[in-house]
Amino acid sequence: MRGVISRFPETYAHLETRALLQAFEAGPRRLRQAIAGLTREELRARPESGVWCIQEVVMHVADSELNGAARIRLVRAQPGSSFFSYDQDVWALAFHYRDASDQELESAIELFEALRVTTLRVFTSAGDADWHATGIHPENGTVTLRNLLELYADHSERHIQQIVTRRGVLGNPLILPPLLEERLY
């Protein structure tokens, strides 16, 4: 895998690591804020055809975080490792995200919270050289630990904003300004 070129965007290159860590840490609290007060029907409603309902978005965030936590740990412990890929749409169908019970949804949010707490420690204990350690991402090529922080801080923010948008379409609006103004993708 030597010589794999990075295709990672420079969107957040200007941001201090501290700002990204704050957005990363705030993800679980903001996800809970984004879904607060929604009924079961609103969580499962498809306001637009072909897009995930809010519950599917939440379940995806937890499963994506599980993959991200493993990738981040690989870069810290085994730099140069290749990451496996997964198809988020296949996971949503295979794991019946839309049909998850209230308890399963809560467990997914708790998993997201626990992974963020433990992964934040991986980030905050990183030394200067660790931020330049790399892994091979299936879509982005060579990525650094810093890139992974950018990716996962952005990931939760992107999906929180999707939820806010869907709430508005459902007639249950919420004002929750983004912590990161730009999107990686």
Protein backbone atom coordinates (compact mmCIF):
# COMPACT_ATOMS: atom_id res chain seq x y z
CA MET A 1 0.00 0.00 0.00
CA ARG A 2 3.00 2.30 -0.15
CA GLY A 3 2.51 5.30 -2.34
CA VAL A 4 -1.26 5.54 -1.90
CA ILE A 5 -2.10 9.19 -2.48
CA SER A 6 -4.36 11.12 -0.16
CA ARG A 7 -7.56 12.52 -1.61
CA PHE A 8 -8.55 14.12 1.67
CA PRO A 9 -10.04 17.63 1.35
CA GLU A 10 -8.29 20.62 2.91
CA THR A 11 -11.58 22.07 4.21
CA TYR A 12 -10.50 22.20 7.85
CA ALA A 13 -6.76 22.69 7.41
CA HIS A 14 -7.12 26.26 8.73
CA LEU A 15 -8.84 25.18 11.96
CA GLU A 16 -6.94 24.60 15.15
CA THR A 17 -7.02 21.03 16.44
CA ARG A 18 -8.60 22.35 19.65
CA ALA A 19 -11.67 23.60 17.72
CA LEU A 20 -12.08 20.22 16.03
CA LEU A 21 -11.73 18.41 19.36
CA GLN A 22 -14.47 20.62 20.81
CA ALA A 23 -16.81 19.80 17.90
CA PHE A 24 -15.93 16.10 18.19
CA GLU A 25 -16.64 16.07 21.93
CA ALA A 26 -19.93 17.96 21.53
CA GLY A 27 -21.32 15.48 18.98
CA PRO A 28 -23.29 13.23 21.36
CA ARG A 29 -24.82 16.12 23.31
CA ARG A 30 -25.80 17.84 20.06
CA LEU A 31 -27.25 14.63 18.62
CA ARG A 32 -29.47 14.30 21.69
CA GLN A 33 -30.50 17.95 21.31
CA ALA A 34 -31.32 17.38 17.64
CA ILE A 35 -33.77 14.55 18.37
CA ALA A 36 -35.22 15.86 21.64
CA GLY A 37 -38.99 16.11 21.63
CA LEU A 38 -39.53 14.02 18.50
CA THR A 39 -42.26 11.41 18.51
CA ARG A 40 -41.70 7.84 17.37
CA GLU A 41 -43.64 8.72 14.21
CA GLU A 42 -41.43 11.74 13.53
CA LEU A 43 -38.27 9.68 14.09
CA ARG A 44 -39.43 7.16 11.49
CA ALA A 45 -41.11 9.50 8.99
CA ARG A 46 -39.66 9.84 5.51
CA PRO A 47 -40.31 13.50 4.67
CA GLU A 48 -38.59 13.01 1.32
CA SER A 49 -38.48 9.89 -0.79
CA GLY A 50 -35.09 8.24 -1.08
CA VAL A 51 -33.59 9.72 2.10
CA TRP A 52 -33.14 8.16 5.49
CA CYS A 53 -35.56 8.96 8.27
CA ILE A 54 -34.15 10.59 11.40
CA GLN A 55 -33.94 7.27 13.24
CA GLU A 56 -31.90 5.76 10.39
CA VAL A 57 -29.54 8.73 10.54
CA VAL A 58 -29.04 8.26 14.29
CA MET A 59 -28.42 4.52 13.94
CA HIS A 60 -25.96 5.21 11.12
CA VAL A 61 -24.07 7.75 13.23
CA ALA A 62 -23.49 5.09 15.90
CA ASP A 63 -22.34 2.40 13.44
CA SER A 64 -20.12 4.86 11.60
CA GLU A 65 -18.57 5.91 14.91
CA LEU A 66 -17.81 2.27 15.66
CA ASN A 67 -15.84 2.04 12.42
CA GLY A 68 -14.21 5.41 13.00
CA ALA A 69 -13.10 4.50 16.51
CA ALA A 70 -11.36 1.41 15.13
CA ARG A 71 -9.68 3.41 12.34
CA ILE A 72 -8.45 6.06 14.77
CA ARG A 73 -7.00 3.41 17.06
CA LEU A 74 -5.31 1.67 14.14
CA VAL A 75 -3.56 4.88 13.13
CA ARG A 76 -2.32 5.49 16.68
CA ALA A 77 -1.27 1.90 17.45
CA GLN A 78 -0.42 0.51 14.00
CA PRO A 79 0.38 3.35 11.60
CA GLY A 80 0.18 2.41 7.94
CA SER A 81 -2.75 0.01 8.44
CA SER A 82 -5.45 -0.28 5.81
CA PHE A 83 -9.03 0.27 6.89
CA PHE A 84 -11.85 -2.01 5.79
CA SER A 85 -14.72 -0.44 3.92
CA TYR A 86 -18.41 -0.85 4.57
CA ASP A 87 -21.54 0.11 2.68
CA GLN A 88 -23.69 2.32 4.90
CA ASP A 89 -26.83 1.62 2.89
CA VAL A 90 -26.35 -2.14 3.19
CA TRP A 91 -25.83 -1.75 6.96
CA ALA A 92 -29.02 0.33 7.27
CA LEU A 93 -31.02 -2.44 5.58
CA ALA A 94 -29.24 -5.39 7.19
CA PHE A 95 -29.58 -3.98 10.70
CA HIS A 96 -33.13 -2.64 10.19
CA TYR A 97 -32.30 0.87 11.37
CA ARG A 98 -35.80 2.18 10.70
CA ASP A 99 -37.45 -0.60 12.71
CA ALA A 100 -35.22 -0.30 15.77
CA SER A 101 -37.06 -0.18 19.06
CA ASP A 102 -36.87 2.82 21.38
CA GLN A 103 -34.37 0.87 23.53
CA GLU A 104 -32.22 -0.01 20.51
CA LEU A 105 -32.20 3.64 19.47
CA GLU A 106 -31.18 4.67 23.00
CA SER A 107 -28.46 1.99 23.02
CA ALA A 108 -27.11 3.32 19.72
CA ILE A 109 -26.91 6.83 21.17
CA GLU A 110 -25.20 5.48 24.30
CA LEU A 111 -22.71 3.62 22.09
CA PHE A 112 -21.99 6.85 20.21
CA GLU A 113 -21.47 8.65 23.53
CA ALA A 114 -19.15 5.96 24.91
CA LEU A 115 -17.09 5.79 21.73
CA ARG A 116 -16.69 9.56 21.65
CA VAL A 117 -15.52 9.67 25.27
CA THR A 118 -12.95 6.90 24.81
CA THR A 119 -11.81 8.12 21.39
CA LEU A 120 -11.43 11.67 22.67
CA ARG A 121 -8.81 10.28 25.04
CA VAL A 122 -6.96 8.72 22.07
CA PHE A 123 -6.90 12.15 20.44
CA THR A 124 -6.04 14.21 23.51
CA SER A 125 -3.15 11.91 24.44
CA ALA A 126 -1.62 12.25 20.95
CA GLY A 127 1.80 13.84 20.67
CA ASP A 128 2.90 16.02 17.77
CA ALA A 129 4.22 13.06 15.76
CA ASP A 130 1.02 11.06 16.33
CA TRP A 131 -1.04 13.64 14.42
CA HIS A 132 1.00 12.83 11.31
CA ALA A 133 0.65 9.03 11.62
CA THR A 134 -1.31 7.60 8.72
CA GLY A 135 -3.67 4.84 7.67
CA ILE A 136 -5.17 3.88 4.34
CA HIS A 137 -8.82 4.87 4.00
CA PRO A 138 -10.80 2.96 1.32
CA GLU A 139 -12.16 6.15 -0.30
CA ASN A 140 -9.68 8.84 0.74
CA GLY A 141 -6.34 7.07 0.39
CA THR A 142 -3.67 8.00 2.90
CA VAL A 143 -5.12 9.89 5.86
CA THR A 144 -3.51 11.22 9.01
CA LEU A 145 -4.81 11.08 12.55
CA ARG A 146 -5.65 14.79 12.15
CA ASN A 147 -7.66 13.95 9.00
CA LEU A 148 -9.63 11.36 10.97
CA LEU A 149 -10.44 13.94 13.63
CA GLU A 150 -11.66 16.25 10.87
CA LEU A 151 -13.69 13.46 9.26
CA TYR A 152 -15.51 12.33 12.39
CA ALA A 153 -16.05 15.81 13.84
CA ASP A 154 -17.58 16.71 10.49
CA HIS A 155 -19.56 13.47 10.27
CA SER A 156 -21.65 14.05 13.37
CA GLU A 157 -22.14 17.73 12.54
CA ARG A 158 -23.28 16.86 9.01
CA HIS A 159 -25.86 14.40 10.27
CA ILE A 160 -27.04 16.69 13.07
CA GLN A 161 -27.75 19.34 10.45
CA GLN A 162 -29.60 16.74 8.34
CA ILE A 163 -31.79 15.97 11.34
CA VAL A 164 -32.44 19.68 11.92
CA THR A 165 -33.44 20.04 8.26
CA ARG A 166 -35.74 17.00 8.41
CA ARG A 167 -37.36 18.35 11.59
CA GLY A 168 -38.24 21.53 9.71
CA VAL A 169 -39.81 19.54 6.88
CA LEU A 170 -41.81 17.57 9.46
CA GLY A 171 -43.13 20.79 11.00
CA ASN A 172 -41.15 20.40 14.24
CA PRO A 173 -38.34 22.91 13.69
CA LEU A 174 -35.28 23.31 15.88
CA ILE A 175 -32.61 25.98 15.82
CA LEU A 176 -29.25 24.31 16.38
CA PRO A 177 -26.50 26.28 14.65
CA PRO A 178 -23.61 24.20 13.27
CA LEU A 179 -20.30 24.12 15.13
CA LEU A 180 -18.43 23.65 11.85
CA GLU A 181 -19.69 25.96 9.12
CA GLU A 182 -18.21 24.03 6.20
CA ARG A 183 -18.65 20.39 5.18
CA LEU A 184 -15.93 18.03 4.03
CA TYR A 185 -18.27 16.41 1.51
